C-alpha atoms as a PDB file:
ATOM      1  CA  MET A   1     115.724 121.815  57.581  1.00  0.00           C
ATOM      2  CA  VAL A   2     112.496 119.816  57.735  1.00  0.00           C
ATOM      3  CA  ARG A   3     112.153 116.458  59.413  1.00  0.00           C
ATOM      4  CA  SER A   4     109.339 113.995  58.854  1.00  0.00           C
ATOM      5  CA  THR A   5     108.462 110.502  60.056  1.00  0.00           C
ATOM      6  CA  LYS A   6     106.374 108.039  58.083  1.00  0.00           C
ATOM      7  CA  THR A   7     105.231 104.495  58.912  1.00  0.00           C
ATOM      8  CA  PHE A   8     104.718 101.819  56.247  1.00  0.00           C
ATOM      9  CA  LYS A   9     102.761  98.567  56.146  1.00  0.00           C
ATOM     10  CA  SER A  10     105.674  96.735  54.539  1.00  0.00           C
ATOM     11  CA  GLU A  11     109.432  96.965  54.306  1.00  0.00           C
ATOM     12  CA  ALA A  12     109.129  96.991  50.505  1.00  0.00           C
ATOM     13  CA  GLU A  13     107.020 100.194  50.678  1.00  0.00           C
ATOM     14  CA  ALA A  14     109.564 101.779  53.028  1.00  0.00           C
ATOM     15  CA  LYS A  15     112.435 100.919  50.686  1.00  0.00           C
ATOM     16  CA  LEU A  16     110.663 102.420  47.678  1.00  0.00           C
ATOM     17  CA  PHE A  17     109.882 105.618  49.588  1.00  0.00           C
ATOM     18  CA  ALA A  18     113.467 105.928  50.875  1.00  0.00           C
ATOM     19  CA  LEU A  19     114.834 105.598  47.331  1.00  0.00           C
ATOM     20  CA  GLU A  20     112.411 108.278  46.097  1.00  0.00           C
ATOM     21  CA  ILE A  21     113.625 110.626  48.853  1.00  0.00           C
ATOM     22  CA  MET A  22     117.276 109.929  48.011  1.00  0.00           C
ATOM     23  CA  ASP A  23     116.583 110.503  44.285  1.00  0.00           C
ATOM     24  CA  LYS A  24     115.419 114.023  45.208  1.00  0.00           C
ATOM     25  CA  GLY A  25     118.814 114.636  46.805  1.00  0.00           C
ATOM     26  CA  TRP A  26     117.410 114.578  50.325  1.00  0.00           C
ATOM     27  CA  SER A  27     118.687 112.571  53.278  1.00  0.00           C
ATOM     28  CA  ALA A  28     116.778 109.527  54.542  1.00  0.00           C
ATOM     29  CA  ASN A  29     117.117 107.190  57.510  1.00  0.00           C
ATOM     30  CA  ALA A  30     115.100 104.059  58.195  1.00  0.00           C
ATOM     31  CA  GLY A  31     114.498 101.681  61.055  1.00  0.00           C
ATOM     32  CA  THR A  32     112.136  99.185  62.607  1.00  0.00           C
ATOM     33  CA  LEU A  33     109.490  99.956  65.195  1.00  0.00           C
ATOM     34  CA  ASN A  34     108.550  97.876  68.221  1.00  0.00           C
ATOM     35  CA  PRO A  35     107.739  94.994  68.490  1.00  0.00           C
ATOM     36  CA  TYR A  36     109.931  93.865  65.553  1.00  0.00           C
ATOM     37  CA  GLN A  37     113.128  91.989  66.352  1.00  0.00           C
ATOM     38  CA  PRO A  38     115.944  92.335  65.639  1.00  0.00           C
ATOM     39  CA  LYS A  39     115.788  96.120  65.617  1.00  0.00           C
ATOM     40  CA  GLN A  40     117.377  97.826  62.624  1.00  0.00           C
ATOM     41  CA  MET A  41     118.613 101.372  62.090  1.00  0.00           C
ATOM     42  CA  ILE A  42     119.671 102.277  58.553  1.00  0.00           C
ATOM     43  CA  GLY A  43     121.563 105.531  58.090  1.00  0.00           C
ATOM     44  CA  SER A  44     121.446 107.608  54.921  1.00  0.00           C
ATOM     45  CA  SER A  45     124.806 106.229  53.752  1.00  0.00           C
ATOM     46  CA  GLN A  46     123.353 102.681  53.868  1.00  0.00           C
ATOM     47  CA  ILE A  47     119.917 103.322  52.278  1.00  0.00           C
ATOM     48  CA  GLY A  48     120.987 102.253  48.761  1.00  0.00           C
ATOM     49  CA  LYS A  49     122.428  98.951  49.961  1.00  0.00           C
ATOM     50  CA  TRP A  50     119.442  98.272  52.257  1.00  0.00           C
ATOM     51  CA  ALA A  51     116.890  99.107  49.549  1.00  0.00           C
ATOM     52  CA  SER A  52     118.509  96.686  47.088  1.00  0.00           C
ATOM     53  CA  THR A  53     118.085  93.677  49.414  1.00  0.00           C
ATOM     54  CA  LYS A  54     115.013  91.486  49.796  1.00  0.00           C
ATOM     55  CA  PRO A  55     112.722  92.544  52.670  1.00  0.00           C
ATOM     56  CA  ALA A  56     113.574  90.757  55.914  1.00  0.00           C
ATOM     57  CA  LEU A  57     111.176  88.480  57.730  1.00  0.00           C
ATOM     58  CA  HIS A  58     110.671  90.026  61.164  1.00  0.00           C
ATOM     59  CA  ARG A  59     109.543  88.274  64.285  1.00  0.00           C
ATOM     60  CA  THR A  60     107.434  90.091  66.833  1.00  0.00           C
ATOM     61  CA  SER A  61     108.539  89.862  70.445  1.00  0.00           C
ATOM     62  CA  HIS A  62     106.118  88.441  72.985  1.00  0.00           C
END
């Protein structure tokens, strides 16, 4: 088992990458990093649904 973490400039890029990983038959999880609010954690069973939605507008915390 190999685990990797990758950071993206946009949610759209992250969604595309997650779908590519899932298409290979691998497992993917996604989530937001600080300082974005509200925090999100997307499990592998939710990647397809998450990737089909428009990217969210995140607010940074102060």
